Amino acid sequence: PAELPGDPGPEELVCDDSSRHGGRVRSFPHERGNWATHVYLPCRAREEFVELLELLVSHARTHVSSLAAMEEFHLSLSQCVVLRYHWIEPFVRCLKERLAAFHRFFCVADQVKVYTNENKTRTFIGLEISAGHFQLLELVSEVDRVLEGFDLPTFYKDPSFHISLAWCVGDLSGKLEGQCLQELQELVNGFEDSALLLRILWEEVRCKSGNKHFSFPLR
C-alpha cells in the first residue's frame, strides 16, 4: 500500500536536493519512512558572539574564500542517525527519561580548531571545548544508551566537543590549519571579554528528527 497508518504525510517528507543547501550532500540517501535524527545542545548567539564570528570568518576567507558562516550554533551529543518514523516517539521518550536528572552547567569554548566530516566532503572551523568536558561525556553516555537500545551508532569514542562557526565544501583543512589557525586563535584570545563571552551555559538538550524538534530542559 502507498500509505499506512502512522506513516508521515507528504508535508513531512524530506527533499534531498543538494542545490537547496549549498551543495552539501547527505551522508546517507533519504528513504521514505527514514528520518535523519540528531541530539545536540543549542547555543544562543549573543550580539558579541556574532561580532567575533564575523571577525573570524572575514579573516579565514583570506585563506579560503568559499567559507560560509553558520546561521545556528550547537554542540553535538550524537552523530546523525536514521530513525524509522514509528521509532521517533519511543526514542524521544527514552531520551527524556535518561536526561531528566541532569543539571545545567557551564563550558568554555575558546580553542579554534579545523574539522572535516568523515567522508571529507566538508570542512569546518569550530571552537573546541576546553572546560566542561566531563559533564559532556556524562551526557553523551546517556544518549549513547538510548541509541544502543534502538541499535543505532553511538557517538565518537574520543569526541572533540566543539561549536562549528563556518564551513565550506570539500577538504580544505590544509589551507586553514597552520598559519591561518594560529591567526584565528590570536583573534579569539585578543577579542574583548572573550573569556566571559565564550563561557557558555547549557540549559537544554534538543533532538531534531526530520522536521520535528524536541526539547529537554536541564534542571
N, C-alpha and C. Protein backbone atom coordinates (compact mmCIF):
# COMPACT_ATOMS: atom_id res chain seq x y z
N PRO A 1 0.83 -1.20 0.00
CA PRO A 1 0.00 0.00 0.00
C PRO A 1 0.86 1.25 0.00
N ALA A 2 0.35 2.29 -0.64
CA ALA A 2 1.11 3.54 -0.74
C ALA A 2 1.31 4.17 0.62
N GLU A 3 0.30 4.12 1.48
CA GLU A 3 0.40 4.74 2.79
C GLU A 3 -0.17 3.81 3.84
N LEU A 4 0.43 3.85 5.02
CA LEU A 4 -0.03 3.06 6.15
C LEU A 4 -0.31 4.00 7.30
N PRO A 5 -1.19 3.62 8.24
CA PRO A 5 -1.40 4.47 9.42
C PRO A 5 -0.09 4.72 10.14
N GLY A 6 0.14 5.99 10.48
CA GLY A 6 1.38 6.34 11.18
C GLY A 6 2.51 6.75 10.27
N ASP A 7 2.37 6.52 8.96
CA ASP A 7 3.40 6.99 8.04
C ASP A 7 3.35 8.51 7.94
N PRO A 8 4.49 9.18 7.71
CA PRO A 8 4.48 10.63 7.57
C PRO A 8 3.69 11.05 6.35
N GLY A 9 3.03 12.18 6.45
CA GLY A 9 2.32 12.74 5.31
C GLY A 9 3.29 13.38 4.35
N PRO A 10 2.81 13.77 3.17
CA PRO A 10 3.69 14.35 2.15
C PRO A 10 4.43 15.58 2.65
N GLU A 11 3.80 16.38 3.54
CA GLU A 11 4.44 17.60 4.02
C GLU A 11 5.58 17.30 4.98
N GLU A 12 5.69 16.05 5.46
CA GLU A 12 6.74 15.69 6.40
C GLU A 12 7.92 15.01 5.73
N LEU A 13 7.81 14.75 4.43
CA LEU A 13 8.91 14.10 3.73
C LEU A 13 10.03 15.09 3.49
N VAL A 14 11.25 14.58 3.38
CA VAL A 14 12.43 15.43 3.26
C VAL A 14 12.88 15.47 1.81
N CYS A 15 13.17 16.66 1.32
CA CYS A 15 13.67 16.82 -0.05
C CYS A 15 15.18 16.68 -0.05
N ASP A 16 15.71 15.83 -0.93
CA ASP A 16 17.15 15.57 -0.99
C ASP A 16 17.78 16.30 -2.16
N ASP A 17 17.56 17.60 -2.25
CA ASP A 17 18.06 18.42 -3.35
C ASP A 17 19.26 19.21 -2.84
N SER A 18 20.48 18.80 -3.25
CA SER A 18 21.68 19.43 -2.71
C SER A 18 21.79 20.90 -3.09
N SER A 19 21.13 21.32 -4.17
CA SER A 19 21.20 22.73 -4.57
C SER A 19 20.50 23.64 -3.59
N ARG A 20 19.65 23.04 -2.70
CA ARG A 20 18.91 23.86 -1.74
C ARG A 20 19.69 24.08 -0.46
N HIS A 21 20.84 23.41 -0.31
CA HIS A 21 21.63 23.65 0.90
C HIS A 21 23.12 23.72 0.59
N GLY A 22 23.44 24.62 -0.34
CA GLY A 22 24.84 24.98 -0.60
C GLY A 22 25.69 23.91 -1.23
N GLY A 23 25.07 22.93 -1.86
CA GLY A 23 25.85 21.88 -2.50
C GLY A 23 26.24 20.76 -1.57
N ARG A 24 25.82 20.81 -0.32
CA ARG A 24 26.13 19.74 0.62
C ARG A 24 25.39 18.47 0.22
N VAL A 25 26.01 17.33 0.47
CA VAL A 25 25.43 16.05 0.10
C VAL A 25 25.17 15.24 1.36
N ARG A 26 24.04 14.54 1.40
CA ARG A 26 23.71 13.71 2.56
C ARG A 26 24.75 12.61 2.74
N SER A 27 25.02 12.26 4.01
CA SER A 27 25.91 11.15 4.27
C SER A 27 25.21 9.81 4.05
N PHE A 28 23.88 9.83 3.96
CA PHE A 28 23.11 8.64 3.61
C PHE A 28 21.89 9.09 2.81
N PRO A 29 21.44 8.29 1.83
CA PRO A 29 20.31 8.71 0.99
C PRO A 29 19.01 8.74 1.77
N HIS A 30 18.14 9.68 1.41
CA HIS A 30 16.84 9.73 2.06
C HIS A 30 15.91 8.66 1.50
N GLU A 31 15.22 7.97 2.39
CA GLU A 31 14.22 6.99 2.01
C GLU A 31 12.95 7.29 2.78
N ARG A 32 11.83 7.04 2.14
CA ARG A 32 10.55 7.27 2.79
C ARG A 32 10.49 6.47 4.10
N GLY A 33 10.10 7.15 5.18
CA GLY A 33 10.00 6.49 6.47
C GLY A 33 11.28 6.54 7.29
N ASN A 34 12.41 6.97 6.68
CA ASN A 34 13.67 7.14 7.39
C ASN A 34 13.85 8.61 7.75
N TRP A 35 14.09 8.89 9.01
CA TRP A 35 14.21 10.28 9.46
C TRP A 35 15.60 10.52 10.05
N ALA A 36 16.33 11.48 9.45
CA ALA A 36 17.63 11.86 9.97
C ALA A 36 17.45 12.49 11.35
N THR A 37 18.19 11.99 12.33
CA THR A 37 17.98 12.37 13.73
C THR A 37 19.30 12.75 14.38
N HIS A 38 19.26 13.78 15.22
CA HIS A 38 20.48 14.36 15.80
C HIS A 38 20.15 14.89 17.19
N VAL A 39 21.00 14.58 18.18
CA VAL A 39 20.84 15.08 19.55
C VAL A 39 21.96 16.09 19.81
N TYR A 40 21.62 17.25 20.38
CA TYR A 40 22.61 18.32 20.50
C TYR A 40 22.23 19.31 21.60
N LEU A 41 23.19 20.15 21.94
CA LEU A 41 22.98 21.28 22.84
C LEU A 41 22.90 22.55 22.00
N PRO A 42 21.79 23.28 22.03
CA PRO A 42 21.71 24.52 21.25
C PRO A 42 22.48 25.64 21.91
N CYS A 43 23.12 26.46 21.10
CA CYS A 43 23.89 27.61 21.60
C CYS A 43 23.26 28.89 21.08
N ARG A 44 22.80 29.73 21.98
CA ARG A 44 22.20 31.01 21.59
C ARG A 44 23.30 32.05 21.37
N ALA A 45 23.33 32.61 20.19
CA ALA A 45 24.40 33.55 19.82
C ALA A 45 24.06 34.96 20.29
N ARG A 46 24.84 35.47 21.24
CA ARG A 46 24.67 36.86 21.66
C ARG A 46 25.31 37.77 20.62
N GLU A 47 25.00 39.06 20.71
CA GLU A 47 25.49 40.03 19.73
C GLU A 47 27.01 40.02 19.65
N GLU A 48 27.68 39.94 20.81
CA GLU A 48 29.14 39.94 20.82
C GLU A 48 29.70 38.69 20.15
N PHE A 49 29.00 37.56 20.32
CA PHE A 49 29.44 36.31 19.70
C PHE A 49 29.39 36.45 18.18
N VAL A 50 28.34 37.07 17.66
CA VAL A 50 28.21 37.28 16.22
C VAL A 50 29.32 38.19 15.72
N GLU A 51 29.69 39.20 16.51
CA GLU A 51 30.78 40.09 16.12
C GLU A 51 32.10 39.31 16.01
N LEU A 52 32.34 38.42 16.98
CA LEU A 52 33.55 37.59 16.94
C LEU A 52 33.50 36.66 15.73
N LEU A 53 32.36 36.07 15.48
CA LEU A 53 32.19 35.18 14.33
C LEU A 53 32.53 35.90 13.03
N GLU A 54 31.98 37.10 12.85
CA GLU A 54 32.21 37.87 11.62
C GLU A 54 33.70 38.18 11.46
N LEU A 55 34.36 38.50 12.56
CA LEU A 55 35.79 38.79 12.52
C LEU A 55 36.59 37.57 12.09
N LEU A 56 36.25 36.41 12.66
CA LEU A 56 36.98 35.17 12.35
C LEU A 56 36.74 34.73 10.91
N VAL A 57 35.49 34.78 10.47
CA VAL A 57 35.16 34.33 9.11
C VAL A 57 35.80 35.26 8.08
N SER A 58 35.76 36.56 8.34
CA SER A 58 36.35 37.52 7.43
C SER A 58 37.84 37.24 7.24
N HIS A 59 38.52 36.97 8.35
CA HIS A 59 39.95 36.68 8.26
C HIS A 59 40.21 35.33 7.58
N ALA A 60 39.42 34.31 7.95
CA ALA A 60 39.63 32.98 7.37
C ALA A 60 39.39 32.98 5.86
N ARG A 61 38.52 33.88 5.38
CA ARG A 61 38.24 33.94 3.94
C ARG A 61 39.44 34.44 3.14
N THR A 62 40.42 35.05 3.79
CA THR A 62 41.63 35.43 3.07
C THR A 62 42.45 34.18 2.72
N HIS A 63 42.14 33.07 3.36
CA HIS A 63 42.80 31.79 3.06
C HIS A 63 41.89 30.87 2.25
N VAL A 64 40.58 30.87 2.57
CA VAL A 64 39.59 30.05 1.85
C VAL A 64 38.37 30.93 1.59
N SER A 65 38.23 31.41 0.37
CA SER A 65 37.19 32.40 0.06
C SER A 65 35.78 31.82 0.10
N SER A 66 35.64 30.50 -0.01
CA SER A 66 34.31 29.88 -0.08
C SER A 66 33.68 29.61 1.28
N LEU A 67 34.34 30.01 2.36
CA LEU A 67 33.79 29.76 3.70
C LEU A 67 32.47 30.49 3.90
N ALA A 68 31.52 29.81 4.52
CA ALA A 68 30.22 30.40 4.86
C ALA A 68 30.00 30.30 6.36
N ALA A 69 29.54 31.38 6.96
CA ALA A 69 29.29 31.38 8.40
C ALA A 69 28.06 30.54 8.71
N MET A 70 28.09 29.82 9.82
CA MET A 70 26.93 29.08 10.28
C MET A 70 25.85 30.07 10.70
N GLU A 71 24.61 29.71 10.48
CA GLU A 71 23.48 30.57 10.87
C GLU A 71 22.95 30.20 12.25
N GLU A 72 23.15 28.95 12.67
CA GLU A 72 22.77 28.50 14.00
C GLU A 72 23.94 27.74 14.59
N PHE A 73 23.97 27.67 15.92
CA PHE A 73 25.13 27.08 16.58
C PHE A 73 24.68 26.02 17.57
N HIS A 74 25.46 24.96 17.64
CA HIS A 74 25.12 23.87 18.56
C HIS A 74 26.37 23.06 18.87
N LEU A 75 26.25 22.20 19.87
CA LEU A 75 27.29 21.24 20.22
C LEU A 75 26.67 19.85 20.14
N SER A 76 27.20 19.00 19.30
CA SER A 76 26.61 17.68 19.05
C SER A 76 26.84 16.72 20.22
N LEU A 77 25.80 15.94 20.52
CA LEU A 77 25.87 14.87 21.51
C LEU A 77 25.66 13.50 20.85
N SER A 78 25.40 13.51 19.55
CA SER A 78 25.24 12.26 18.80
C SER A 78 25.68 12.50 17.37
N GLN A 79 25.94 11.43 16.66
CA GLN A 79 26.07 11.51 15.22
C GLN A 79 24.67 11.69 14.63
N CYS A 80 24.62 11.98 13.34
CA CYS A 80 23.33 11.98 12.65
C CYS A 80 22.99 10.53 12.33
N VAL A 81 21.89 10.05 12.89
CA VAL A 81 21.48 8.65 12.72
C VAL A 81 20.13 8.59 12.03
N VAL A 82 19.75 7.40 11.57
CA VAL A 82 18.48 7.21 10.88
C VAL A 82 17.48 6.52 11.79
N LEU A 83 16.34 7.17 12.00
CA LEU A 83 15.24 6.59 12.78
C LEU A 83 14.08 6.27 11.84
N ARG A 84 13.47 5.12 12.02
CA ARG A 84 12.21 4.86 11.36
C ARG A 84 11.14 5.75 11.99
N TYR A 85 10.16 6.12 11.20
CA TYR A 85 9.14 7.07 11.67
C TYR A 85 8.47 6.62 12.96
N HIS A 86 8.15 5.34 13.05
CA HIS A 86 7.43 4.85 14.22
C HIS A 86 8.33 4.70 15.45
N TRP A 87 9.64 4.91 15.28
CA TRP A 87 10.56 4.89 16.42
C TRP A 87 10.69 6.25 17.09
N ILE A 88 10.29 7.31 16.42
CA ILE A 88 10.56 8.65 16.94
C ILE A 88 9.98 8.85 18.33
N GLU A 89 8.71 8.54 18.51
CA GLU A 89 8.07 8.78 19.81
C GLU A 89 8.74 7.99 20.94
N PRO A 90 8.96 6.66 20.80
CA PRO A 90 9.65 5.95 21.89
C PRO A 90 11.09 6.41 22.09
N PHE A 91 11.77 6.81 21.02
CA PHE A 91 13.14 7.31 21.13
C PHE A 91 13.17 8.58 21.97
N VAL A 92 12.26 9.51 21.68
CA VAL A 92 12.19 10.77 22.43
C VAL A 92 11.81 10.50 23.88
N ARG A 93 10.93 9.58 24.11
CA ARG A 93 10.52 9.25 25.48
C ARG A 93 11.71 8.69 26.28
N CYS A 94 12.51 7.84 25.65
CA CYS A 94 13.70 7.29 26.32
C CYS A 94 14.72 8.39 26.62
N LEU A 95 14.91 9.31 25.67
CA LEU A 95 15.82 10.43 25.91
C LEU A 95 15.38 11.26 27.10
N LYS A 96 14.10 11.55 27.16
CA LYS A 96 13.56 12.36 28.26
C LYS A 96 13.83 11.70 29.60
N GLU A 97 13.65 10.39 29.68
CA GLU A 97 13.89 9.66 30.93
C GLU A 97 15.36 9.69 31.30
N ARG A 98 16.23 9.50 30.32
CA ARG A 98 17.66 9.45 30.58
C ARG A 98 18.25 10.81 30.99
N LEU A 99 17.68 11.88 30.46
CA LEU A 99 18.24 13.21 30.69
C LEU A 99 17.58 13.95 31.85
N ALA A 100 16.58 13.35 32.46
CA ALA A 100 15.76 14.04 33.48
C ALA A 100 16.58 14.50 34.68
N ALA A 101 17.63 13.78 35.02
CA ALA A 101 18.38 14.09 36.25
C ALA A 101 19.50 15.10 36.04
N PHE A 102 19.76 15.52 34.82
CA PHE A 102 20.91 16.38 34.55
C PHE A 102 20.63 17.85 34.91
N HIS A 103 21.65 18.49 35.47
CA HIS A 103 21.57 19.89 35.84
C HIS A 103 22.25 20.75 34.77
N ARG A 104 21.90 22.03 34.75
CA ARG A 104 22.57 22.99 33.87
C ARG A 104 24.05 23.08 34.25
N PHE A 105 24.87 23.41 33.27
CA PHE A 105 26.31 23.52 33.56
C PHE A 105 26.96 24.45 32.53
N PHE A 106 28.17 24.88 32.88
CA PHE A 106 28.93 25.77 32.01
C PHE A 106 30.03 25.01 31.26
N CYS A 107 30.35 25.49 30.08
CA CYS A 107 31.52 25.06 29.32
C CYS A 107 32.27 26.30 28.85
N VAL A 108 33.54 26.11 28.56
CA VAL A 108 34.33 27.16 27.92
C VAL A 108 34.73 26.66 26.54
N ALA A 109 34.37 27.40 25.50
CA ALA A 109 34.69 27.04 24.11
C ALA A 109 35.59 28.13 23.53
N ASP A 110 36.90 27.96 23.66
CA ASP A 110 37.80 29.05 23.28
C ASP A 110 39.01 28.60 22.46
N GLN A 111 39.00 27.36 21.98
CA GLN A 111 40.13 26.85 21.20
C GLN A 111 39.72 26.65 19.74
N VAL A 112 40.28 27.43 18.84
CA VAL A 112 39.93 27.33 17.42
C VAL A 112 40.53 26.04 16.85
N LYS A 113 39.70 25.32 16.10
CA LYS A 113 40.16 24.05 15.53
C LYS A 113 39.49 23.84 14.17
N VAL A 114 40.16 23.11 13.29
CA VAL A 114 39.64 22.80 11.96
C VAL A 114 39.21 21.34 11.94
N TYR A 115 38.04 21.09 11.38
CA TYR A 115 37.47 19.75 11.30
C TYR A 115 37.06 19.43 9.88
N THR A 116 37.03 18.13 9.55
CA THR A 116 36.38 17.67 8.33
C THR A 116 35.39 16.58 8.73
N ASN A 117 34.34 16.40 7.91
CA ASN A 117 33.43 15.29 8.19
C ASN A 117 34.09 13.99 7.75
N GLU A 118 33.44 12.87 8.06
CA GLU A 118 34.09 11.57 7.86
C GLU A 118 34.45 11.28 6.41
N ASN A 119 33.59 11.67 5.47
CA ASN A 119 33.89 11.38 4.07
C ASN A 119 34.59 12.54 3.36
N LYS A 120 35.08 13.51 4.15
CA LYS A 120 35.93 14.60 3.64
C LYS A 120 35.23 15.47 2.59
N THR A 121 33.91 15.59 2.67
CA THR A 121 33.19 16.42 1.70
C THR A 121 32.96 17.83 2.23
N ARG A 122 33.22 18.05 3.52
CA ARG A 122 33.04 19.38 4.10
C ARG A 122 34.13 19.66 5.13
N THR A 123 34.50 20.91 5.23
CA THR A 123 35.48 21.37 6.22
C THR A 123 34.82 22.42 7.09
N PHE A 124 35.16 22.41 8.38
CA PHE A 124 34.56 23.32 9.35
C PHE A 124 35.63 24.01 10.17
N ILE A 125 35.34 25.23 10.57
CA ILE A 125 36.10 25.91 11.63
C ILE A 125 35.22 25.91 12.87
N GLY A 126 35.77 25.46 13.99
CA GLY A 126 34.97 25.38 15.21
C GLY A 126 35.72 25.88 16.42
N LEU A 127 34.97 26.08 17.49
CA LEU A 127 35.55 26.40 18.80
C LEU A 127 35.45 25.16 19.67
N GLU A 128 36.60 24.60 20.02
CA GLU A 128 36.63 23.38 20.82
C GLU A 128 36.48 23.70 22.31
N ILE A 129 35.83 22.80 23.02
CA ILE A 129 35.62 22.95 24.46
C ILE A 129 36.92 22.72 25.20
N SER A 130 37.28 23.65 26.10
CA SER A 130 38.48 23.49 26.92
C SER A 130 38.15 23.26 28.39
N ALA A 131 36.89 23.47 28.78
CA ALA A 131 36.44 23.21 30.15
C ALA A 131 34.98 22.78 30.09
N GLY A 132 34.64 21.75 30.89
CA GLY A 132 33.29 21.22 30.88
C GLY A 132 33.19 19.87 30.18
N HIS A 133 34.36 19.30 29.86
CA HIS A 133 34.41 18.05 29.09
C HIS A 133 33.74 16.90 29.85
N PHE A 134 33.96 16.83 31.15
CA PHE A 134 33.43 15.71 31.93
C PHE A 134 31.91 15.67 31.88
N GLN A 135 31.27 16.82 32.08
CA GLN A 135 29.80 16.86 32.03
C GLN A 135 29.27 16.46 30.66
N LEU A 136 29.97 16.86 29.61
CA LEU A 136 29.56 16.49 28.25
C LEU A 136 29.67 14.99 28.03
N LEU A 137 30.73 14.38 28.55
CA LEU A 137 30.88 12.93 28.43
C LEU A 137 29.77 12.20 29.16
N GLU A 138 29.34 12.74 30.31
CA GLU A 138 28.23 12.13 31.03
C GLU A 138 26.94 12.19 30.21
N LEU A 139 26.69 13.33 29.58
CA LEU A 139 25.51 13.47 28.72
C LEU A 139 25.57 12.49 27.55
N VAL A 140 26.71 12.43 26.90
CA VAL A 140 26.87 11.52 25.76
C VAL A 140 26.65 10.08 26.18
N SER A 141 27.13 9.72 27.35
CA SER A 141 26.95 8.35 27.85
C SER A 141 25.47 7.97 27.92
N GLU A 142 24.63 8.91 28.40
CA GLU A 142 23.20 8.63 28.49
C GLU A 142 22.55 8.59 27.11
N VAL A 143 22.96 9.50 26.23
CA VAL A 143 22.42 9.48 24.86
C VAL A 143 22.82 8.19 24.16
N ASP A 144 24.07 7.76 24.37
CA ASP A 144 24.55 6.51 23.77
C ASP A 144 23.70 5.31 24.20
N ARG A 145 23.30 5.31 25.47
CA ARG A 145 22.48 4.20 25.96
C ARG A 145 21.15 4.13 25.22
N VAL A 146 20.59 5.29 24.95
CA VAL A 146 19.34 5.33 24.19
C VAL A 146 19.58 4.82 22.77
N LEU A 147 20.65 5.29 22.15
CA LEU A 147 20.97 4.86 20.78
C LEU A 147 21.18 3.35 20.71
N GLU A 148 21.89 2.81 21.69
CA GLU A 148 22.13 1.36 21.72
C GLU A 148 20.83 0.58 21.81
N GLY A 149 19.86 1.13 22.56
CA GLY A 149 18.57 0.47 22.70
C GLY A 149 17.80 0.37 21.40
N PHE A 150 18.15 1.25 20.44
CA PHE A 150 17.50 1.22 19.13
C PHE A 150 18.46 0.69 18.05
N ASP A 151 19.56 0.10 18.51
CA ASP A 151 20.56 -0.50 17.60
C ASP A 151 21.09 0.53 16.61
N LEU A 152 21.38 1.74 17.13
CA LEU A 152 21.90 2.83 16.31
C LEU A 152 23.35 3.14 16.69
N PRO A 153 24.13 3.73 15.78
CA PRO A 153 25.53 4.05 16.09
C PRO A 153 25.64 5.05 17.25
N THR A 154 26.57 4.79 18.15
CA THR A 154 26.81 5.71 19.27
C THR A 154 27.77 6.81 18.82
N PHE A 155 28.08 7.74 19.75
CA PHE A 155 28.93 8.88 19.42
C PHE A 155 30.38 8.43 19.26
N TYR A 156 31.23 9.33 18.79
CA TYR A 156 32.63 9.01 18.58
C TYR A 156 33.31 8.64 19.90
N LYS A 157 34.30 7.75 19.82
CA LYS A 157 34.94 7.21 21.03
C LYS A 157 35.65 8.29 21.83
N ASP A 158 36.44 9.12 21.17
CA ASP A 158 37.16 10.21 21.85
C ASP A 158 36.73 11.54 21.21
N PRO A 159 35.54 12.02 21.56
CA PRO A 159 34.99 13.18 20.85
C PRO A 159 35.76 14.47 21.13
N SER A 160 35.85 15.30 20.11
CA SER A 160 36.34 16.67 20.26
C SER A 160 35.11 17.57 20.27
N PHE A 161 34.59 17.83 21.45
CA PHE A 161 33.37 18.64 21.56
C PHE A 161 33.65 20.05 21.06
N HIS A 162 32.77 20.55 20.19
CA HIS A 162 33.02 21.86 19.60
C HIS A 162 31.73 22.48 19.08
N ILE A 163 31.81 23.77 18.82
CA ILE A 163 30.73 24.53 18.19
C ILE A 163 31.24 24.98 16.83
N SER A 164 30.60 24.51 15.77
CA SER A 164 31.03 24.90 14.42
C SER A 164 30.64 26.35 14.15
N LEU A 165 31.57 27.09 13.54
CA LEU A 165 31.36 28.51 13.24
C LEU A 165 31.18 28.77 11.75
N ALA A 166 31.88 28.01 10.91
CA ALA A 166 31.86 28.24 9.46
C ALA A 166 32.18 26.94 8.76
N TRP A 167 31.80 26.85 7.48
CA TRP A 167 32.01 25.62 6.73
C TRP A 167 32.25 25.93 5.25
N CYS A 168 32.78 24.94 4.55
CA CYS A 168 32.92 25.03 3.10
C CYS A 168 32.88 23.62 2.53
N VAL A 169 32.59 23.52 1.26
CA VAL A 169 32.54 22.23 0.58
C VAL A 169 33.95 21.75 0.29
N GLY A 170 34.19 20.44 0.48
CA GLY A 170 35.49 19.85 0.17
C GLY A 170 36.41 19.81 1.38
N ASP A 171 37.54 19.14 1.22
CA ASP A 171 38.56 19.07 2.27
C ASP A 171 39.59 20.16 2.03
N LEU A 172 39.39 21.30 2.72
CA LEU A 172 40.33 22.42 2.60
C LEU A 172 41.06 22.67 3.91
N SER A 173 41.15 21.60 4.71
CA SER A 173 41.79 21.73 6.03
C SER A 173 43.24 22.17 5.90
N GLY A 174 43.93 21.76 4.83
CA GLY A 174 45.34 22.13 4.66
C GLY A 174 45.54 23.63 4.53
N LYS A 175 44.55 24.33 3.98
CA LYS A 175 44.65 25.78 3.82
C LYS A 175 44.29 26.53 5.11
N LEU A 176 43.54 25.87 5.99
CA LEU A 176 43.06 26.55 7.20
C LEU A 176 43.92 26.26 8.43
N GLU A 177 44.61 25.14 8.41
CA GLU A 177 45.47 24.80 9.54
C GLU A 177 46.79 25.55 9.42
N GLY A 178 47.63 25.45 10.43
CA GLY A 178 48.92 26.14 10.39
C GLY A 178 48.77 27.63 10.68
N GLN A 179 49.27 28.46 9.76
CA GLN A 179 49.29 29.90 9.99
C GLN A 179 47.89 30.47 10.19
N CYS A 180 46.95 30.08 9.34
CA CYS A 180 45.58 30.60 9.46
C CYS A 180 44.99 30.27 10.82
N LEU A 181 45.14 29.04 11.26
CA LEU A 181 44.60 28.62 12.55
C LEU A 181 45.22 29.42 13.70
N GLN A 182 46.53 29.63 13.62
CA GLN A 182 47.22 30.41 14.64
C GLN A 182 46.69 31.84 14.69
N GLU A 183 46.47 32.43 13.52
CA GLU A 183 45.96 33.81 13.46
C GLU A 183 44.54 33.90 14.02
N LEU A 184 43.72 32.89 13.73
CA LEU A 184 42.35 32.87 14.26
C LEU A 184 42.35 32.75 15.78
N GLN A 185 43.25 31.92 16.30
CA GLN A 185 43.33 31.78 17.75
C GLN A 185 43.75 33.08 18.41
N GLU A 186 44.66 33.80 17.78
CA GLU A 186 45.10 35.10 18.31
C GLU A 186 43.95 36.09 18.32
N LEU A 187 43.08 36.05 17.30
CA LEU A 187 41.91 36.92 17.26
C LEU A 187 40.96 36.60 18.41
N VAL A 188 40.77 35.31 18.69
CA VAL A 188 39.90 34.90 19.80
C VAL A 188 40.49 35.37 21.13
N ASN A 189 41.79 35.12 21.32
CA ASN A 189 42.45 35.49 22.58
C ASN A 189 42.41 36.99 22.82
N GLY A 190 42.48 37.78 21.74
CA GLY A 190 42.54 39.23 21.89
C GLY A 190 41.19 39.91 21.84
N PHE A 191 40.11 39.15 21.60
CA PHE A 191 38.78 39.76 21.49
C PHE A 191 38.32 40.24 22.86
N GLU A 192 37.70 41.40 22.91
CA GLU A 192 37.28 41.99 24.18
C GLU A 192 36.33 41.07 24.94
N ASP A 193 36.66 40.80 26.20
CA ASP A 193 35.85 39.96 27.09
C ASP A 193 35.62 38.56 26.54
N SER A 194 36.60 38.03 25.78
CA SER A 194 36.40 36.71 25.18
C SER A 194 36.25 35.61 26.23
N ALA A 195 36.95 35.75 27.38
CA ALA A 195 36.85 34.74 28.43
C ALA A 195 35.42 34.61 28.94
N LEU A 196 34.75 35.74 29.09
CA LEU A 196 33.35 35.72 29.55
C LEU A 196 32.41 35.34 28.41
N LEU A 197 32.68 35.85 27.22
CA LEU A 197 31.83 35.60 26.07
C LEU A 197 31.76 34.13 25.72
N LEU A 198 32.88 33.42 25.84
CA LEU A 198 32.96 32.02 25.41
C LEU A 198 32.73 31.04 26.56
N ARG A 199 32.22 31.56 27.68
CA ARG A 199 31.77 30.70 28.78
C ARG A 199 30.26 30.51 28.60
N ILE A 200 29.87 29.31 28.24
CA ILE A 200 28.51 29.05 27.77
C ILE A 200 27.73 28.22 28.79
N LEU A 201 26.53 28.68 29.11
CA LEU A 201 25.64 27.94 30.00
C LEU A 201 24.71 27.08 29.15
N TRP A 202 24.76 25.78 29.37
CA TRP A 202 23.86 24.86 28.68
C TRP A 202 22.61 24.65 29.52
N GLU A 203 21.45 24.96 28.95
CA GLU A 203 20.20 24.91 29.68
C GLU A 203 19.23 23.84 29.19
N GLU A 204 19.47 23.32 28.00
CA GLU A 204 18.57 22.30 27.46
C GLU A 204 19.29 21.44 26.44
N VAL A 205 18.79 20.22 26.27
CA VAL A 205 19.22 19.33 25.20
C VAL A 205 18.08 19.30 24.18
N ARG A 206 18.43 19.24 22.90
CA ARG A 206 17.40 19.14 21.86
C ARG A 206 17.64 17.91 20.99
N CYS A 207 16.57 17.45 20.42
CA CYS A 207 16.63 16.38 19.43
C CYS A 207 15.86 16.83 18.20
N LYS A 208 16.49 16.72 17.05
CA LYS A 208 15.84 17.05 15.78
C LYS A 208 15.72 15.77 14.98
N SER A 209 14.49 15.42 14.59
CA SER A 209 14.26 14.25 13.76
C SER A 209 13.42 14.69 12.56
N GLY A 210 14.05 14.72 11.38
CA GLY A 210 13.36 15.29 10.23
C GLY A 210 13.02 16.74 10.50
N ASN A 211 11.75 17.09 10.39
CA ASN A 211 11.33 18.47 10.69
C ASN A 211 10.70 18.59 12.07
N LYS A 212 10.87 17.58 12.91
CA LYS A 212 10.32 17.60 14.27
C LYS A 212 11.43 17.97 15.25
N HIS A 213 11.10 18.84 16.21
CA HIS A 213 12.06 19.30 17.21
C HIS A 213 11.54 18.99 18.61
N PHE A 214 12.41 18.48 19.47
CA PHE A 214 12.04 18.14 20.83
C PHE A 214 13.05 18.77 21.80
N SER A 215 12.56 19.29 22.92
CA SER A 215 13.42 19.97 23.89
C SER A 215 13.36 19.26 25.23
N PHE A 216 14.53 19.15 25.89
CA PHE A 216 14.62 18.53 27.20
C PHE A 216 15.35 19.50 28.13
N PRO A 217 14.63 20.34 28.86
CA PRO A 217 15.27 21.32 29.75
C PRO A 217 16.09 20.62 30.83
N LEU A 218 17.28 21.17 31.10
CA LEU A 218 18.10 20.68 32.21
C LEU A 218 17.66 21.34 33.49
N ARG A 219 17.88 20.68 34.59
CA ARG A 219 17.37 21.15 35.88
C ARG A 219 18.14 22.38 36.39
